[in-house]
Amino acid sequence: MLNVSLIIRTFNEEKNIEECILSCINNNINEIIIVDGYSTDCTKKIVENLIVLYSNIKFIQTTKGLVNQKMLVLKNLLHTMIILQ
């Protein structure tokens, strides 16, 4: 079986993030990394609640921009198969 890391960039996605993460979990994604641009809604709290339940979720907050956010995450991946959203 292929080990897959999924990177999801967010900013104020409280309406969508839980469903998105649960869909990834239901599809057996091995590692889910949420890169948040310091959301001002409840995105962070929703992700933190899911982290308690699922050990394969990681959460990073940064405002460094798209390219820098991707590079930051790529340096810390566990798996070689990567999906960038």
Protein backbone atom coordinates (compact mmCIF):
# COMPACT_ATOMS: atom_id res chain seq x y z
CA MET A 1 0.00 0.00 0.00
CA LEU A 2 1.17 3.49 -0.86
CA ASN A 3 1.91 5.92 1.98
CA VAL A 4 0.51 9.36 1.16
CA SER A 5 1.00 12.80 2.71
CA LEU A 6 -1.65 15.43 2.00
CA ILE A 7 -1.04 19.15 2.44
CA ILE A 8 -4.10 21.38 2.87
CA ARG A 9 -3.65 25.16 2.91
CA THR A 10 -6.32 27.06 4.82
CA PHE A 11 -7.48 30.54 5.67
CA ASN A 12 -10.86 30.98 7.35
CA GLU A 13 -12.19 27.57 6.31
CA GLU A 14 -14.30 26.78 9.36
CA LYS A 15 -17.25 25.82 7.14
CA ASN A 16 -15.26 23.24 5.17
CA ILE A 17 -12.22 22.01 7.09
CA GLU A 18 -13.81 19.31 9.24
CA GLU A 19 -15.55 17.64 6.31
CA CYS A 20 -12.36 17.89 4.25
CA ILE A 21 -10.19 16.28 6.95
CA LEU A 22 -12.70 13.53 7.71
CA SER A 23 -12.92 12.73 4.01
CA CYS A 24 -9.13 12.36 3.91
CA ILE A 25 -9.19 10.10 6.95
CA ASN A 26 -11.95 7.98 5.43
CA ASN A 27 -9.80 7.61 2.31
CA ASN A 28 -6.84 6.32 4.34
CA ILE A 29 -4.51 9.29 3.86
CA ASN A 30 -1.53 8.49 6.08
CA GLU A 31 -0.47 12.03 6.95
CA ILE A 32 -2.59 15.19 6.79
CA ILE A 33 -0.79 18.50 7.21
CA ILE A 34 -2.88 21.64 7.60
CA VAL A 35 -0.98 24.83 6.78
CA ASP A 36 -3.02 27.76 8.03
CA GLY A 37 -2.46 31.44 7.26
CA TYR A 38 -3.54 32.52 10.76
CA SER A 39 -7.29 32.20 10.23
CA THR A 40 -9.46 34.59 12.20
CA ASP A 41 -12.42 32.21 12.42
CA CYS A 42 -12.64 28.82 14.18
CA THR A 43 -10.47 26.89 11.68
CA LYS A 44 -7.65 26.37 14.18
CA LYS A 45 -9.97 25.18 16.97
CA ILE A 46 -11.70 22.68 14.66
CA VAL A 47 -8.36 21.25 13.52
CA GLU A 48 -7.05 21.06 17.10
CA ASN A 49 -10.16 19.10 18.13
CA LEU A 50 -9.57 16.64 15.31
CA ILE A 51 -5.87 16.29 16.21
CA VAL A 52 -6.96 14.92 19.60
CA LEU A 53 -8.88 12.16 17.81
CA TYR A 54 -6.50 11.42 14.91
CA SER A 55 -2.74 11.16 15.32
CA ASN A 56 -2.02 11.54 11.60
CA ILE A 57 -3.01 15.24 11.49
CA LYS A 58 -0.42 18.01 11.86
CA PHE A 59 -1.13 21.74 12.11
CA ILE A 60 1.22 24.56 11.12
CA GLN A 61 0.46 28.28 11.14
CA THR A 62 2.49 30.64 8.98
CA THR A 63 1.96 33.73 6.85
CA LYS A 64 4.98 33.22 4.61
CA GLY A 65 3.03 32.91 1.33
CA LEU A 66 2.17 29.99 -0.93
CA VAL A 67 5.64 28.96 -2.08
CA ASN A 68 7.25 29.30 1.34
CA GLN A 69 4.37 27.43 2.99
CA LYS A 70 4.80 24.51 0.59
CA MET A 71 8.58 24.45 1.06
CA LEU A 72 8.20 24.51 4.85
CA VAL A 73 5.91 21.49 4.75
CA LEU A 74 7.91 19.57 2.14
CA LYS A 75 10.94 19.61 4.44
CA ASN A 76 8.96 17.80 7.17
CA LEU A 77 6.98 15.15 5.31
CA LEU A 78 6.93 11.54 6.43
CA HIS A 79 6.04 9.99 3.07
CA THR A 80 7.25 10.26 -0.51
CA MET A 81 3.85 10.39 -2.21
CA ILE A 82 2.58 13.95 -1.78
CA ILE A 83 -0.67 15.66 -2.67
CA LEU A 84 -0.67 19.45 -2.60
CA GLN A 85 -4.06 21.09 -2.44
